[in-house]
Amino acid sequence: MLSVLRSYVPTLILSGLIFYFGYHAMTGDRGILEEDARRSALSARQTEYARVLAQRTDLERRADLLRDGSLSRDLLDERARALLGYADPRDYVVRVSR
């Protein structure tokens, strides 16, 4: 009886290992069942990246306009009025409470 059991021990151990790794391949953090969650997270991060990239491009463009060689008077006037709180008498000012 014991010799018959010994012949099945390697098979049982290998079966256990296959089950263990197969289970974690399906349900682990990087498993097959988590693929939809990873794809949706990737999509959200790509959207966020595109938004940040557009914001950075806009800020770089505005910074270039404030350089000495290409100073934009309109942008300079806009920033000075915004920072100092001044307005032209012909402007309509809408205050937004924060």
C-alpha atoms as a PDB file:
ATOM      1  CA  MET A   1       0.000   0.000   0.000  1.00  0.00           C
ATOM      2  CA  LEU A   2       2.796   2.441   0.923  1.00  0.00           C
ATOM      3  CA  SER A   3       4.685   1.791  -2.302  1.00  0.00           C
ATOM      4  CA  VAL A   4       1.554   2.560  -4.331  1.00  0.00           C
ATOM      5  CA  LEU A   5       1.127   5.863  -2.445  1.00  0.00           C
ATOM      6  CA  ARG A   6       4.748   6.793  -3.103  1.00  0.00           C
ATOM      7  CA  SER A   7       4.198   6.574  -6.842  1.00  0.00           C
ATOM      8  CA  TYR A   8       1.375   9.173  -6.609  1.00  0.00           C
ATOM      9  CA  VAL A   9       3.228  11.693  -4.407  1.00  0.00           C
ATOM     10  CA  PRO A  10       5.173  13.419  -7.257  1.00  0.00           C
ATOM     11  CA  THR A  11       1.979  13.596  -9.313  1.00  0.00           C
ATOM     12  CA  LEU A  12       0.067  15.140  -6.400  1.00  0.00           C
ATOM     13  CA  ILE A  13       2.826  17.681  -5.740  1.00  0.00           C
ATOM     14  CA  LEU A  14       3.014  18.682  -9.416  1.00  0.00           C
ATOM     15  CA  SER A  15      -0.777  18.893  -9.611  1.00  0.00           C
ATOM     16  CA  GLY A  16      -0.798  21.129  -6.539  1.00  0.00           C
ATOM     17  CA  LEU A  17       1.851  23.397  -8.039  1.00  0.00           C
ATOM     18  CA  ILE A  18      -0.017  23.616 -11.347  1.00  0.00           C
ATOM     19  CA  PHE A  19      -3.233  24.476  -9.520  1.00  0.00           C
ATOM     20  CA  TYR A  20      -1.469  27.084  -7.356  1.00  0.00           C
ATOM     21  CA  PHE A  21       0.200  28.894 -10.246  1.00  0.00           C
ATOM     22  CA  GLY A  22      -2.878  28.568 -12.455  1.00  0.00           C
ATOM     23  CA  TYR A  23      -5.107  30.071  -9.758  1.00  0.00           C
ATOM     24  CA  HIS A  24      -2.805  33.035  -9.265  1.00  0.00           C
ATOM     25  CA  ALA A  25      -2.393  33.503 -13.030  1.00  0.00           C
ATOM     26  CA  MET A  26      -6.152  33.933 -13.250  1.00  0.00           C
ATOM     27  CA  THR A  27      -6.940  35.945 -10.107  1.00  0.00           C
ATOM     28  CA  GLY A  28      -3.728  37.756  -9.160  1.00  0.00           C
ATOM     29  CA  ASP A  29      -3.061  41.489  -9.446  1.00  0.00           C
ATOM     30  CA  ARG A  30      -1.723  40.968 -12.957  1.00  0.00           C
ATOM     31  CA  GLY A  31      -3.966  38.019 -13.739  1.00  0.00           C
ATOM     32  CA  ILE A  32      -6.180  37.392 -16.719  1.00  0.00           C
ATOM     33  CA  LEU A  33      -9.348  38.403 -14.868  1.00  0.00           C
ATOM     34  CA  GLU A  34      -7.893  41.827 -14.006  1.00  0.00           C
ATOM     35  CA  GLU A  35      -7.244  42.750 -17.640  1.00  0.00           C
ATOM     36  CA  ASP A  36     -10.383  44.917 -17.952  1.00  0.00           C
ATOM     37  CA  ALA A  37      -9.451  46.892 -14.835  1.00  0.00           C
ATOM     38  CA  ARG A  38      -5.941  47.444 -16.204  1.00  0.00           C
ATOM     39  CA  ARG A  39      -7.306  48.599 -19.553  1.00  0.00           C
ATOM     40  CA  SER A  40      -9.732  51.058 -17.972  1.00  0.00           C
ATOM     41  CA  ALA A  41      -6.974  52.414 -15.715  1.00  0.00           C
ATOM     42  CA  LEU A  42      -4.711  52.795 -18.752  1.00  0.00           C
ATOM     43  CA  SER A  43      -7.446  54.642 -20.636  1.00  0.00           C
ATOM     44  CA  ALA A  44      -8.001  57.016 -17.702  1.00  0.00           C
ATOM     45  CA  ARG A  45      -4.275  57.677 -17.420  1.00  0.00           C
ATOM     46  CA  GLN A  46      -3.978  58.321 -21.157  1.00  0.00           C
ATOM     47  CA  THR A  47      -6.812  60.847 -20.940  1.00  0.00           C
ATOM     48  CA  GLU A  48      -5.146  62.533 -17.970  1.00  0.00           C
ATOM     49  CA  TYR A  49      -1.826  62.562 -19.832  1.00  0.00           C
ATOM     50  CA  ALA A  50      -3.413  64.227 -22.870  1.00  0.00           C
ATOM     51  CA  ARG A  51      -4.986  66.894 -20.634  1.00  0.00           C
ATOM     52  CA  VAL A  52      -1.718  67.603 -18.828  1.00  0.00           C
ATOM     53  CA  LEU A  53       0.191  67.669 -22.112  1.00  0.00           C
ATOM     54  CA  ALA A  54      -2.257  70.225 -23.566  1.00  0.00           C
ATOM     55  CA  GLN A  55      -1.956  72.322 -20.411  1.00  0.00           C
ATOM     56  CA  ARG A  56       1.832  72.173 -20.580  1.00  0.00           C
ATOM     57  CA  THR A  57       1.826  73.165 -24.250  1.00  0.00           C
ATOM     58  CA  ASP A  58      -0.377  76.148 -23.449  1.00  0.00           C
ATOM     59  CA  LEU A  59       1.867  77.209 -20.561  1.00  0.00           C
ATOM     60  CA  GLU A  60       4.993  76.877 -22.718  1.00  0.00           C
ATOM     61  CA  ARG A  61       3.379  78.986 -25.434  1.00  0.00           C
ATOM     62  CA  ARG A  62       2.429  81.651 -22.883  1.00  0.00           C
ATOM     63  CA  ALA A  63       5.922  81.604 -21.381  1.00  0.00           C
ATOM     64  CA  ASP A  64       7.437  82.060 -24.832  1.00  0.00           C
ATOM     65  CA  LEU A  65       5.254  85.127 -25.354  1.00  0.00           C
ATOM     66  CA  LEU A  66       6.631  86.667 -22.153  1.00  0.00           C
ATOM     67  CA  ARG A  67      10.285  86.322 -23.186  1.00  0.00           C
ATOM     68  CA  ASP A  68      12.270  89.452 -24.026  1.00  0.00           C
ATOM     69  CA  GLY A  69      12.590  88.732 -27.745  1.00  0.00           C
ATOM     70  CA  SER A  70       8.900  88.163 -28.399  1.00  0.00           C
ATOM     71  CA  LEU A  71       7.038  90.073 -25.729  1.00  0.00           C
ATOM     72  CA  SER A  72       3.328  90.208 -26.450  1.00  0.00           C
ATOM     73  CA  ARG A  73       1.850  93.483 -25.212  1.00  0.00           C
ATOM     74  CA  ASP A  74      -1.648  92.010 -25.032  1.00  0.00           C
ATOM     75  CA  LEU A  75      -0.538  89.114 -22.859  1.00  0.00           C
ATOM     76  CA  LEU A  76       1.552  91.399 -20.678  1.00  0.00           C
ATOM     77  CA  ASP A  77      -1.419  93.754 -20.244  1.00  0.00           C
ATOM     78  CA  GLU A  78      -3.729  90.835 -19.413  1.00  0.00           C
ATOM     79  CA  ARG A  79      -1.371  89.419 -16.786  1.00  0.00           C
ATOM     80  CA  ALA A  80      -0.683  92.827 -15.210  1.00  0.00           C
ATOM     81  CA  ARG A  81      -4.408  93.563 -14.889  1.00  0.00           C
ATOM     82  CA  ALA A  82      -5.092  90.129 -13.450  1.00  0.00           C
ATOM     83  CA  LEU A  83      -2.286  90.324 -10.891  1.00  0.00           C
ATOM     84  CA  LEU A  84      -2.821  93.924  -9.862  1.00  0.00           C
ATOM     85  CA  GLY A  85      -6.603  93.883 -10.004  1.00  0.00           C
ATOM     86  CA  TYR A  86      -6.916  96.810 -12.417  1.00  0.00           C
ATOM     87  CA  ALA A  87      -9.467  97.115 -15.178  1.00  0.00           C
ATOM     88  CA  ASP A  88     -10.025  99.494 -18.052  1.00  0.00           C
ATOM     89  CA  PRO A  89     -13.034 101.791 -17.495  1.00  0.00           C
ATOM     90  CA  ARG A  90     -14.592 100.334 -20.643  1.00  0.00           C
ATOM     91  CA  ASP A  91     -14.252  96.720 -19.431  1.00  0.00           C
ATOM     92  CA  TYR A  92     -17.007  94.703 -17.845  1.00  0.00           C
ATOM     93  CA  VAL A  93     -15.721  93.000 -14.724  1.00  0.00           C
ATOM     94  CA  VAL A  94     -17.399  89.872 -13.423  1.00  0.00           C
ATOM     95  CA  ARG A  95     -16.195  88.800  -9.992  1.00  0.00           C
ATOM     96  CA  VAL A  96     -16.411  85.157  -9.096  1.00  0.00           C
ATOM     97  CA  SER A  97     -16.275  84.188  -5.448  1.00  0.00           C
ATOM     98  CA  ARG A  98     -14.091  81.187  -4.631  1.00  0.00           C
END
